Amino acid sequence: MPGYRYINHNKKGWRGTVVANKLNDMSLNTTTETAGPTWRAVVSFLCRFGLAAMWLLSGSIKLSNFVDTQQSIAAYELFPQPLHEPLALTLVSVELILGVLLLLGLFLRPVAIATGVVMVIFIAGIISAWARGLTIDCGCFGTGGYNASVGPQQYMLDILRDIGFMLMAAWTFKWPFCRLALHP
């Protein structure tokens, strides 16, 4: 309509709210769109695509070294040997699926919840290994298994890293980056 300028309001996106009423061409009440992304949109972008990269990287490494992935699961000494292969296949599949869904922007909030749940399981596994005195590499990004050089400091770093991923998942749940998403 002549005399009015409407700018899309989207709290989750890149623009702020601006609606201007131009009384005439000489009006001093002119407005423009806010330039650039908001800080929340930038953090949401980094969390969503950072988690996607993490899942795709860890899943593809585990898939390319499938026997090592099974050995990593065995090193935790939580499951009987016949379950190592199906658990490894399930883990690789879940990681790759979560990565693809985040990358495409499909079901962002449910994927963020699933990411948080998987991280809680990973943290519980690391704490379990630490509490039982096992010296293993977690196997999160490549080959894991028994490693005599792993100590409390490495376990703590692995736990803190996974807590960081949980915080990224919580942010993605609360403020999903919906731009470039097929279905938020």
N, C-alpha and C. Protein backbone atom coordinates (compact mmCIF):
# COMPACT_ATOMS: atom_id res chain seq x y z
N MET A 1 0.84 -1.18 0.00
CA MET A 1 0.00 0.00 0.00
C MET A 1 0.88 1.24 0.00
N PRO A 2 0.52 2.23 -0.78
CA PRO A 2 1.31 3.46 -0.77
C PRO A 2 1.16 4.15 0.59
N GLY A 3 2.26 4.68 1.06
CA GLY A 3 2.22 5.40 2.33
C GLY A 3 2.62 4.54 3.52
N TYR A 4 2.71 3.23 3.33
CA TYR A 4 3.09 2.36 4.44
C TYR A 4 4.25 1.47 4.02
N ARG A 5 5.10 1.17 4.95
CA ARG A 5 6.19 0.24 4.70
C ARG A 5 6.08 -0.85 5.76
N TYR A 6 5.98 -2.07 5.33
CA TYR A 6 5.90 -3.20 6.25
C TYR A 6 7.18 -4.01 6.14
N ILE A 7 7.74 -4.31 7.25
CA ILE A 7 8.92 -5.15 7.28
C ILE A 7 8.58 -6.37 8.12
N ASN A 8 8.89 -7.51 7.61
CA ASN A 8 8.53 -8.77 8.25
C ASN A 8 9.07 -8.86 9.68
N HIS A 9 8.22 -9.30 10.60
CA HIS A 9 8.63 -9.51 11.99
C HIS A 9 8.93 -10.98 12.18
N ASN A 10 10.12 -11.28 12.58
CA ASN A 10 10.51 -12.67 12.80
C ASN A 10 11.52 -12.69 13.94
N LYS A 11 11.08 -13.06 15.14
CA LYS A 11 11.96 -13.05 16.30
C LYS A 11 13.11 -14.05 16.16
N LYS A 12 12.91 -15.09 15.36
CA LYS A 12 13.91 -16.12 15.24
C LYS A 12 14.88 -15.85 14.10
N GLY A 13 14.63 -14.84 13.32
CA GLY A 13 15.44 -14.66 12.13
C GLY A 13 16.38 -13.48 12.21
N TRP A 14 16.57 -12.84 11.07
CA TRP A 14 17.61 -11.82 10.93
C TRP A 14 17.09 -10.40 11.07
N ARG A 15 15.79 -10.18 11.12
CA ARG A 15 15.27 -8.82 11.10
C ARG A 15 14.57 -8.48 12.40
N GLY A 16 14.53 -7.19 12.70
CA GLY A 16 13.74 -6.69 13.81
C GLY A 16 12.39 -6.23 13.31
N THR A 17 11.58 -5.74 14.20
CA THR A 17 10.25 -5.29 13.83
C THR A 17 10.27 -3.81 13.48
N VAL A 18 9.75 -3.50 12.32
CA VAL A 18 9.65 -2.10 11.92
C VAL A 18 8.39 -1.96 11.08
N VAL A 19 7.50 -1.11 11.51
CA VAL A 19 6.35 -0.75 10.69
C VAL A 19 6.29 0.78 10.70
N ALA A 20 6.36 1.38 9.55
CA ALA A 20 6.40 2.84 9.48
C ALA A 20 5.15 3.36 8.79
N ASN A 21 4.66 4.44 9.26
CA ASN A 21 3.53 5.10 8.64
C ASN A 21 4.04 6.39 8.01
N LYS A 22 4.08 6.38 6.71
CA LYS A 22 4.51 7.58 5.99
C LYS A 22 3.28 8.43 5.70
N LEU A 23 3.24 9.59 6.28
CA LEU A 23 2.09 10.46 6.05
C LEU A 23 2.14 11.09 4.67
N ASN A 24 3.32 11.40 4.23
CA ASN A 24 3.47 11.93 2.88
C ASN A 24 4.93 11.78 2.49
N ASP A 25 5.28 12.18 1.34
CA ASP A 25 6.65 12.04 0.86
C ASP A 25 7.63 12.88 1.67
N MET A 26 7.17 13.90 2.35
CA MET A 26 8.04 14.79 3.12
C MET A 26 8.18 14.33 4.58
N SER A 27 7.60 13.21 4.93
CA SER A 27 7.58 12.75 6.33
C SER A 27 8.99 12.46 6.83
N LEU A 28 9.23 12.82 8.07
CA LEU A 28 10.50 12.51 8.72
C LEU A 28 10.46 11.14 9.36
N ASN A 29 9.30 10.50 9.39
CA ASN A 29 9.13 9.20 10.03
C ASN A 29 9.44 8.08 9.03
N THR A 30 10.69 7.97 8.65
CA THR A 30 11.09 6.90 7.74
C THR A 30 11.90 5.88 8.52
N THR A 31 11.80 4.67 8.11
CA THR A 31 12.53 3.60 8.79
C THR A 31 13.21 2.71 7.77
N THR A 32 14.17 1.99 8.24
CA THR A 32 14.85 1.02 7.39
C THR A 32 14.98 -0.29 8.14
N GLU A 33 15.23 -1.33 7.43
CA GLU A 33 15.45 -2.63 8.05
C GLU A 33 16.75 -2.60 8.84
N THR A 34 16.78 -3.39 9.92
CA THR A 34 18.02 -3.51 10.65
C THR A 34 18.98 -4.36 9.83
N ALA A 35 20.21 -3.95 9.78
CA ALA A 35 21.20 -4.63 8.95
C ALA A 35 21.87 -5.74 9.74
N GLY A 36 22.08 -6.86 9.10
CA GLY A 36 22.87 -7.94 9.68
C GLY A 36 22.11 -8.78 10.67
N PRO A 37 22.72 -9.89 11.05
CA PRO A 37 22.08 -10.82 11.97
C PRO A 37 22.17 -10.35 13.41
N THR A 38 21.23 -10.80 14.21
CA THR A 38 21.29 -10.53 15.64
C THR A 38 22.27 -11.51 16.27
N TRP A 39 22.75 -11.20 17.45
CA TRP A 39 23.70 -12.09 18.13
C TRP A 39 23.06 -13.44 18.41
N ARG A 40 21.77 -13.46 18.73
CA ARG A 40 21.09 -14.73 19.01
C ARG A 40 21.03 -15.60 17.76
N ALA A 41 20.79 -14.98 16.61
CA ALA A 41 20.75 -15.73 15.35
C ALA A 41 22.13 -16.31 15.02
N VAL A 42 23.17 -15.55 15.31
CA VAL A 42 24.53 -16.03 15.05
C VAL A 42 24.85 -17.23 15.94
N VAL A 43 24.52 -17.14 17.23
CA VAL A 43 24.78 -18.25 18.15
C VAL A 43 23.94 -19.46 17.74
N SER A 44 22.70 -19.23 17.34
CA SER A 44 21.84 -20.34 16.90
C SER A 44 22.40 -21.02 15.66
N PHE A 45 22.90 -20.21 14.74
CA PHE A 45 23.54 -20.75 13.54
C PHE A 45 24.74 -21.62 13.92
N LEU A 46 25.61 -21.09 14.78
CA LEU A 46 26.81 -21.82 15.19
C LEU A 46 26.47 -23.12 15.93
N CYS A 47 25.45 -23.07 16.78
CA CYS A 47 25.06 -24.28 17.51
C CYS A 47 24.49 -25.34 16.57
N ARG A 48 23.56 -24.95 15.72
CA ARG A 48 22.94 -25.93 14.81
C ARG A 48 23.97 -26.55 13.88
N PHE A 49 24.75 -25.73 13.20
CA PHE A 49 25.68 -26.28 12.22
C PHE A 49 26.92 -26.87 12.89
N GLY A 50 27.27 -26.39 14.07
CA GLY A 50 28.36 -27.01 14.83
C GLY A 50 28.01 -28.43 15.26
N LEU A 51 26.78 -28.61 15.77
CA LEU A 51 26.33 -29.95 16.14
C LEU A 51 26.23 -30.85 14.91
N ALA A 52 25.74 -30.30 13.81
CA ALA A 52 25.65 -31.10 12.58
C ALA A 52 27.03 -31.58 12.16
N ALA A 53 28.00 -30.69 12.18
CA ALA A 53 29.37 -31.06 11.80
C ALA A 53 29.94 -32.11 12.75
N MET A 54 29.68 -31.94 14.05
CA MET A 54 30.17 -32.89 15.04
C MET A 54 29.60 -34.29 14.78
N TRP A 55 28.28 -34.36 14.59
CA TRP A 55 27.65 -35.67 14.36
C TRP A 55 28.13 -36.29 13.05
N LEU A 56 28.19 -35.51 12.00
CA LEU A 56 28.62 -36.05 10.70
C LEU A 56 30.08 -36.50 10.74
N LEU A 57 30.93 -35.74 11.40
CA LEU A 57 32.33 -36.12 11.51
C LEU A 57 32.50 -37.39 12.33
N SER A 58 31.91 -37.41 13.52
CA SER A 58 32.10 -38.59 14.38
C SER A 58 31.45 -39.83 13.76
N GLY A 59 30.29 -39.67 13.15
CA GLY A 59 29.63 -40.82 12.53
C GLY A 59 30.39 -41.36 11.34
N SER A 60 30.93 -40.46 10.51
CA SER A 60 31.67 -40.93 9.34
C SER A 60 33.00 -41.58 9.73
N ILE A 61 33.65 -41.06 10.76
CA ILE A 61 34.89 -41.69 11.23
C ILE A 61 34.59 -43.09 11.77
N LYS A 62 33.51 -43.19 12.55
CA LYS A 62 33.15 -44.50 13.11
C LYS A 62 32.74 -45.48 12.01
N LEU A 63 32.07 -44.99 10.99
CA LEU A 63 31.65 -45.86 9.89
C LEU A 63 32.86 -46.35 9.10
N SER A 64 33.84 -45.48 8.88
CA SER A 64 35.02 -45.88 8.11
C SER A 64 35.94 -46.81 8.90
N ASN A 65 35.84 -46.80 10.22
CA ASN A 65 36.63 -47.69 11.09
C ASN A 65 35.68 -48.52 11.95
N PHE A 66 34.82 -49.29 11.30
CA PHE A 66 33.74 -49.97 12.01
C PHE A 66 34.25 -50.98 13.03
N VAL A 67 35.30 -51.69 12.73
CA VAL A 67 35.86 -52.67 13.68
C VAL A 67 36.39 -51.93 14.91
N ASP A 68 37.04 -50.80 14.70
CA ASP A 68 37.53 -50.01 15.83
C ASP A 68 36.37 -49.48 16.68
N THR A 69 35.26 -49.15 16.04
CA THR A 69 34.08 -48.70 16.77
C THR A 69 33.56 -49.81 17.68
N GLN A 70 33.55 -51.03 17.16
CA GLN A 70 33.12 -52.18 17.98
C GLN A 70 34.08 -52.38 19.15
N GLN A 71 35.38 -52.21 18.91
CA GLN A 71 36.37 -52.37 19.98
C GLN A 71 36.21 -51.27 21.02
N SER A 72 35.84 -50.07 20.60
CA SER A 72 35.60 -48.99 21.55
C SER A 72 34.43 -49.32 22.47
N ILE A 73 33.38 -49.87 21.90
CA ILE A 73 32.22 -50.26 22.71
C ILE A 73 32.61 -51.39 23.66
N ALA A 74 33.40 -52.34 23.18
CA ALA A 74 33.84 -53.45 24.02
C ALA A 74 34.68 -52.97 25.19
N ALA A 75 35.49 -51.94 24.98
CA ALA A 75 36.39 -51.44 26.02
C ALA A 75 35.64 -50.90 27.24
N TYR A 76 34.40 -50.47 27.07
CA TYR A 76 33.61 -49.98 28.20
C TYR A 76 33.18 -51.11 29.13
N GLU A 77 33.23 -52.34 28.65
CA GLU A 77 32.88 -53.52 29.44
C GLU A 77 31.48 -53.43 30.06
N LEU A 78 30.55 -52.91 29.27
CA LEU A 78 29.16 -52.77 29.73
C LEU A 78 28.22 -53.77 29.07
N PHE A 79 28.57 -54.25 27.89
CA PHE A 79 27.67 -55.08 27.11
C PHE A 79 28.36 -56.39 26.73
N PRO A 80 27.58 -57.47 26.59
CA PRO A 80 28.18 -58.74 26.15
C PRO A 80 28.64 -58.64 24.69
N GLN A 81 29.59 -59.47 24.34
CA GLN A 81 30.22 -59.43 23.01
C GLN A 81 29.22 -59.50 21.85
N PRO A 82 28.17 -60.32 21.91
CA PRO A 82 27.25 -60.36 20.75
C PRO A 82 26.54 -59.02 20.46
N LEU A 83 26.51 -58.12 21.43
CA LEU A 83 25.84 -56.83 21.21
C LEU A 83 26.76 -55.74 20.66
N HIS A 84 28.06 -55.99 20.61
CA HIS A 84 29.00 -54.95 20.17
C HIS A 84 28.73 -54.50 18.74
N GLU A 85 28.54 -55.43 17.82
CA GLU A 85 28.30 -55.05 16.42
C GLU A 85 26.98 -54.32 16.23
N PRO A 86 25.84 -54.83 16.79
CA PRO A 86 24.59 -54.07 16.61
C PRO A 86 24.62 -52.70 17.29
N LEU A 87 25.29 -52.60 18.44
CA LEU A 87 25.40 -51.30 19.09
C LEU A 87 26.24 -50.34 18.27
N ALA A 88 27.32 -50.83 17.69
CA ALA A 88 28.16 -49.98 16.85
C ALA A 88 27.38 -49.50 15.63
N LEU A 89 26.63 -50.38 15.01
CA LEU A 89 25.82 -50.01 13.84
C LEU A 89 24.75 -48.98 14.24
N THR A 90 24.12 -49.20 15.39
CA THR A 90 23.10 -48.26 15.86
C THR A 90 23.71 -46.90 16.16
N LEU A 91 24.86 -46.90 16.82
CA LEU A 91 25.52 -45.64 17.17
C LEU A 91 25.90 -44.84 15.92
N VAL A 92 26.50 -45.51 14.95
CA VAL A 92 26.89 -44.83 13.71
C VAL A 92 25.65 -44.29 13.00
N SER A 93 24.60 -45.09 12.93
CA SER A 93 23.38 -44.66 12.25
C SER A 93 22.75 -43.45 12.94
N VAL A 94 22.66 -43.49 14.26
CA VAL A 94 22.07 -42.38 15.01
C VAL A 94 22.87 -41.10 14.79
N GLU A 95 24.20 -41.20 14.87
CA GLU A 95 25.04 -40.02 14.70
C GLU A 95 24.88 -39.42 13.30
N LEU A 96 24.89 -40.24 12.28
CA LEU A 96 24.76 -39.72 10.92
C LEU A 96 23.37 -39.15 10.67
N ILE A 97 22.34 -39.80 11.18
CA ILE A 97 20.97 -39.30 11.00
C ILE A 97 20.80 -37.96 11.70
N LEU A 98 21.29 -37.84 12.94
CA LEU A 98 21.18 -36.56 13.65
C LEU A 98 21.93 -35.46 12.91
N GLY A 99 23.10 -35.78 12.39
CA GLY A 99 23.87 -34.79 11.64
C GLY A 99 23.15 -34.32 10.39
N VAL A 100 22.58 -35.24 9.64
CA VAL A 100 21.87 -34.88 8.41
C VAL A 100 20.62 -34.05 8.73
N LEU A 101 19.88 -34.46 9.77
CA LEU A 101 18.67 -33.71 10.14
C LEU A 101 19.01 -32.28 10.56
N LEU A 102 20.08 -32.12 11.34
CA LEU A 102 20.49 -30.76 11.73
C LEU A 102 20.95 -29.96 10.52
N LEU A 103 21.70 -30.58 9.65
CA LEU A 103 22.20 -29.89 8.46
C LEU A 103 21.05 -29.40 7.58
N LEU A 104 20.06 -30.27 7.39
CA LEU A 104 18.92 -29.91 6.54
C LEU A 104 17.90 -29.04 7.26
N GLY A 105 17.97 -29.00 8.57
CA GLY A 105 17.00 -28.22 9.34
C GLY A 105 15.67 -28.91 9.47
N LEU A 106 15.69 -30.21 9.60
CA LEU A 106 14.46 -30.99 9.77
C LEU A 106 14.29 -31.35 11.24
N PHE A 107 13.12 -31.03 11.79
CA PHE A 107 12.77 -31.40 13.17
C PHE A 107 13.84 -30.96 14.17
N LEU A 108 14.16 -29.68 14.14
CA LEU A 108 15.28 -29.17 14.92
C LEU A 108 15.12 -29.39 16.42
N ARG A 109 13.95 -29.13 16.95
CA ARG A 109 13.77 -29.31 18.40
C ARG A 109 13.83 -30.77 18.82
N PRO A 110 13.14 -31.70 18.14
CA PRO A 110 13.30 -33.11 18.53
C PRO A 110 14.74 -33.61 18.37
N VAL A 111 15.44 -33.14 17.34
CA VAL A 111 16.83 -33.54 17.15
C VAL A 111 17.70 -32.98 18.27
N ALA A 112 17.40 -31.76 18.71
CA ALA A 112 18.15 -31.18 19.83
C ALA A 112 17.93 -32.00 21.10
N ILE A 113 16.71 -32.45 21.33
CA ILE A 113 16.44 -33.30 22.50
C ILE A 113 17.20 -34.61 22.37
N ALA A 114 17.14 -35.22 21.21
CA ALA A 114 17.86 -36.48 20.99
C ALA A 114 19.36 -36.30 21.20
N THR A 115 19.91 -35.18 20.75
CA THR A 115 21.32 -34.90 20.95
C THR A 115 21.64 -34.81 22.44
N GLY A 116 20.81 -34.13 23.18
CA GLY A 116 21.01 -34.03 24.63
C GLY A 116 20.96 -35.38 25.31
N VAL A 117 20.03 -36.23 24.91
CA VAL A 117 19.91 -37.57 25.50
C VAL A 117 21.15 -38.40 25.18
N VAL A 118 21.60 -38.36 23.94
CA VAL A 118 22.80 -39.12 23.55
C VAL A 118 24.01 -38.62 24.34
N MET A 119 24.12 -37.32 24.52
CA MET A 119 25.25 -36.79 25.30
C MET A 119 25.20 -37.25 26.75
N VAL A 120 24.01 -37.31 27.33
CA VAL A 120 23.87 -37.82 28.71
C VAL A 120 24.34 -39.27 28.76
N ILE A 121 23.98 -40.06 27.77
CA ILE A 121 24.42 -41.46 27.72
C ILE A 121 25.93 -41.54 27.58
N PHE A 122 26.51 -40.71 26.72
CA PHE A 122 27.97 -40.70 26.56
C PHE A 122 28.66 -40.31 27.87
N ILE A 123 28.16 -39.29 28.54
CA ILE A 123 28.76 -38.85 29.80
C ILE A 123 28.65 -39.95 30.85
N ALA A 124 27.50 -40.62 30.90
CA ALA A 124 27.33 -41.72 31.86
C ALA A 124 28.33 -42.84 31.58
N GLY A 125 28.57 -43.13 30.31
CA GLY A 125 29.54 -44.17 29.95
C GLY A 125 30.95 -43.78 30.37
N ILE A 126 31.32 -42.52 30.17
CA ILE A 126 32.66 -42.06 30.55
C ILE A 126 32.81 -42.11 32.07
N ILE A 127 31.80 -41.64 32.79
CA ILE A 127 31.86 -41.68 34.26
C ILE A 127 31.94 -43.12 34.76
N SER A 128 31.19 -44.01 34.11
CA SER A 128 31.22 -45.42 34.49
C SER A 128 32.62 -46.02 34.31
N ALA A 129 33.24 -45.73 33.18
CA ALA A 129 34.59 -46.25 32.92
C ALA A 129 35.58 -45.66 33.92
N TRP A 130 35.46 -44.39 34.20
CA TRP A 130 36.35 -43.72 35.14
C TRP A 130 36.18 -44.30 36.54
N ALA A 131 34.92 -44.48 36.97
CA ALA A 131 34.64 -45.00 38.31
C ALA A 131 35.12 -46.44 38.50
N ARG A 132 35.13 -47.21 37.43
CA ARG A 132 35.58 -48.61 37.53
C ARG A 132 37.07 -48.76 37.29
N GLY A 133 37.77 -47.64 37.12
CA GLY A 133 39.22 -47.67 36.97
C GLY A 133 39.72 -48.12 35.61
N LEU A 134 38.85 -48.08 34.60
CA LEU A 134 39.28 -48.45 33.25
C LEU A 134 40.12 -47.32 32.67
N THR A 135 41.09 -47.66 31.89
CA THR A 135 41.89 -46.66 31.19
C THR A 135 41.62 -46.83 29.69
N ILE A 136 40.59 -46.13 29.24
CA ILE A 136 40.17 -46.23 27.84
C ILE A 136 40.01 -44.85 27.24
N ASP A 137 40.20 -44.81 25.94
CA ASP A 137 39.88 -43.62 25.17
C ASP A 137 38.40 -43.72 24.83
N CYS A 138 37.66 -42.64 24.93
CA CYS A 138 36.20 -42.72 24.76
C CYS A 138 35.78 -43.20 23.37
N GLY A 139 36.58 -42.95 22.36
CA GLY A 139 36.23 -43.37 21.01
C GLY A 139 35.23 -42.46 20.33
N CYS A 140 35.06 -41.27 20.86
CA CYS A 140 34.06 -40.35 20.33
C CYS A 140 34.37 -39.87 18.91
N PHE A 141 35.62 -39.61 18.63
CA PHE A 141 36.02 -39.11 17.32
C PHE A 141 37.13 -39.97 16.74
N GLY A 142 36.84 -41.21 16.58
CA GLY A 142 37.84 -42.10 16.01
C GLY A 142 38.00 -43.35 16.85
N THR A 143 39.18 -43.91 16.76
CA THR A 143 39.42 -45.17 17.44
C THR A 143 39.51 -44.93 18.94
N GLY A 144 38.86 -45.78 19.66
CA GLY A 144 38.90 -45.75 21.11
C GLY A 144 39.45 -47.07 21.60
N GLY A 145 39.13 -47.39 22.79
CA GLY A 145 39.58 -48.66 23.34
C GLY A 145 40.55 -48.43 24.47
N TYR A 146 41.22 -49.49 24.85
CA TYR A 146 42.14 -49.43 25.98
C TYR A 146 43.33 -48.53 25.65
N ASN A 147 43.67 -47.68 26.61
CA ASN A 147 44.77 -46.75 26.42
C ASN A 147 45.33 -46.42 27.81
N ALA A 148 46.52 -46.93 28.10
CA ALA A 148 47.12 -46.78 29.42
C ALA A 148 47.44 -45.33 29.76
N SER A 149 47.56 -44.46 28.77
CA SER A 149 47.92 -43.07 29.04
C SER A 149 46.71 -42.21 29.43
N VAL A 150 45.51 -42.75 29.36
CA VAL A 150 44.31 -41.98 29.70
C VAL A 150 44.16 -41.95 31.22
N GLY A 151 43.91 -40.76 31.73
CA GLY A 151 43.74 -40.60 33.17
C GLY A 151 42.58 -39.69 33.49
N PRO A 152 42.47 -39.28 34.75
CA PRO A 152 41.35 -38.43 35.17
C PRO A 152 41.22 -37.13 34.39
N GLN A 153 42.36 -36.54 34.03
CA GLN A 153 42.30 -35.28 33.28
C GLN A 153 41.61 -35.48 31.92
N GLN A 154 41.93 -36.56 31.22
CA GLN A 154 41.31 -36.82 29.92
C GLN A 154 39.82 -37.11 30.07
N TYR A 155 39.46 -37.88 31.11
CA TYR A 155 38.03 -38.15 31.34
C TYR A 155 37.28 -36.84 31.59
N MET A 156 37.87 -35.97 32.40
CA MET A 156 37.22 -34.70 32.70
C MET A 156 37.08 -33.84 31.44
N LEU A 157 38.09 -33.81 30.60
CA LEU A 157 37.99 -33.05 29.34
C LEU A 157 36.90 -33.61 28.43
N ASP A 158 36.80 -34.95 28.37
CA ASP A 158 35.75 -35.57 27.55
C ASP A 158 34.36 -35.21 28.08
N ILE A 159 34.21 -35.23 29.40
CA ILE A 159 32.92 -34.90 30.01
C ILE A 159 32.58 -33.43 29.76
N LEU A 160 33.54 -32.54 29.93
CA LEU A 160 33.30 -31.11 29.69
C LEU A 160 32.95 -30.85 28.24
N ARG A 161 33.62 -31.53 27.32
CA ARG A 161 33.31 -31.38 25.89
C ARG A 161 31.86 -31.78 25.63
N ASP A 162 31.44 -32.93 26.20
CA ASP A 162 30.08 -33.39 25.99
C ASP A 162 29.05 -32.48 26.66
N ILE A 163 29.41 -31.88 27.79
CA ILE A 163 28.51 -30.90 28.42
C ILE A 163 28.37 -29.68 27.49
N GLY A 164 29.47 -29.30 26.87
CA GLY A 164 29.40 -28.20 25.89
C GLY A 164 28.44 -28.53 24.74
N PHE A 165 28.50 -29.77 24.25
CA PHE A 165 27.57 -30.18 23.19
C PHE A 165 26.13 -30.19 23.71
N MET A 166 25.95 -30.57 24.97
CA MET A 166 24.60 -30.53 25.55
C MET A 166 24.08 -29.10 25.61
N LEU A 167 24.94 -28.16 25.97
CA LEU A 167 24.52 -26.76 26.01
C LEU A 167 24.17 -26.25 24.60
N MET A 168 24.92 -26.69 23.61
CA MET A 168 24.60 -26.32 22.23
C MET A 168 23.24 -26.90 21.82
N ALA A 169 22.97 -28.12 22.26
CA ALA A 169 21.67 -28.75 21.96
C ALA A 169 20.54 -28.01 22.67
N ALA A 170 20.77 -27.59 23.92
CA ALA A 170 19.75 -26.84 24.65
C ALA A 170 19.47 -25.51 23.96
N TRP A 171 20.51 -24.84 23.48
CA TRP A 171 20.33 -23.59 22.75
C TRP A 171 19.53 -23.83 21.47
N THR A 172 19.88 -24.89 20.76
CA THR A 172 19.18 -25.22 19.52
C THR A 172 17.71 -25.53 19.80
N PHE A 173 17.43 -26.15 20.92
CA PHE A 173 16.04 -26.41 21.28
C PHE A 173 15.30 -25.11 21.57
N LYS A 174 15.92 -24.24 22.35
CA LYS A 174 15.26 -22.99 22.76
C LYS A 174 15.16 -21.99 21.62
N TRP A 175 16.23 -21.82 20.87
CA TRP A 175 16.27 -20.85 19.77
C TRP A 175 16.81 -21.52 18.51
N PRO A 176 16.03 -22.35 17.86
CA PRO A 176 16.53 -23.03 16.66
C PRO A 176 16.76 -22.03 15.52
N PHE A 177 17.83 -22.25 14.79
CA PHE A 177 18.12 -21.42 13.63
C PHE A 177 17.30 -21.95 12.47
N CYS A 178 16.22 -21.26 12.15
CA CYS A 178 15.25 -21.77 11.18
C CYS A 178 15.53 -21.35 9.74
N ARG A 179 16.42 -20.38 9.58
CA ARG A 179 16.79 -20.05 8.20
C ARG A 179 17.56 -21.22 7.63
N LEU A 180 17.44 -21.42 6.37
CA LEU A 180 18.09 -22.55 5.68
C LEU A 180 17.57 -23.89 6.20
N ALA A 181 16.39 -23.89 6.78
CA ALA A 181 15.81 -25.13 7.31
C ALA A 181 14.65 -25.57 6.42
N LEU A 182 14.60 -26.86 6.14
CA LEU A 182 13.48 -27.38 5.36
C LEU A 182 12.21 -27.45 6.19
N HIS A 183 12.38 -27.76 7.50
CA HIS A 183 11.24 -27.86 8.41
C HIS A 183 11.75 -27.71 9.84
N PRO A 184 11.45 -26.58 10.47
CA PRO A 184 11.97 -26.36 11.83
C PRO A 184 11.31 -27.29 12.82
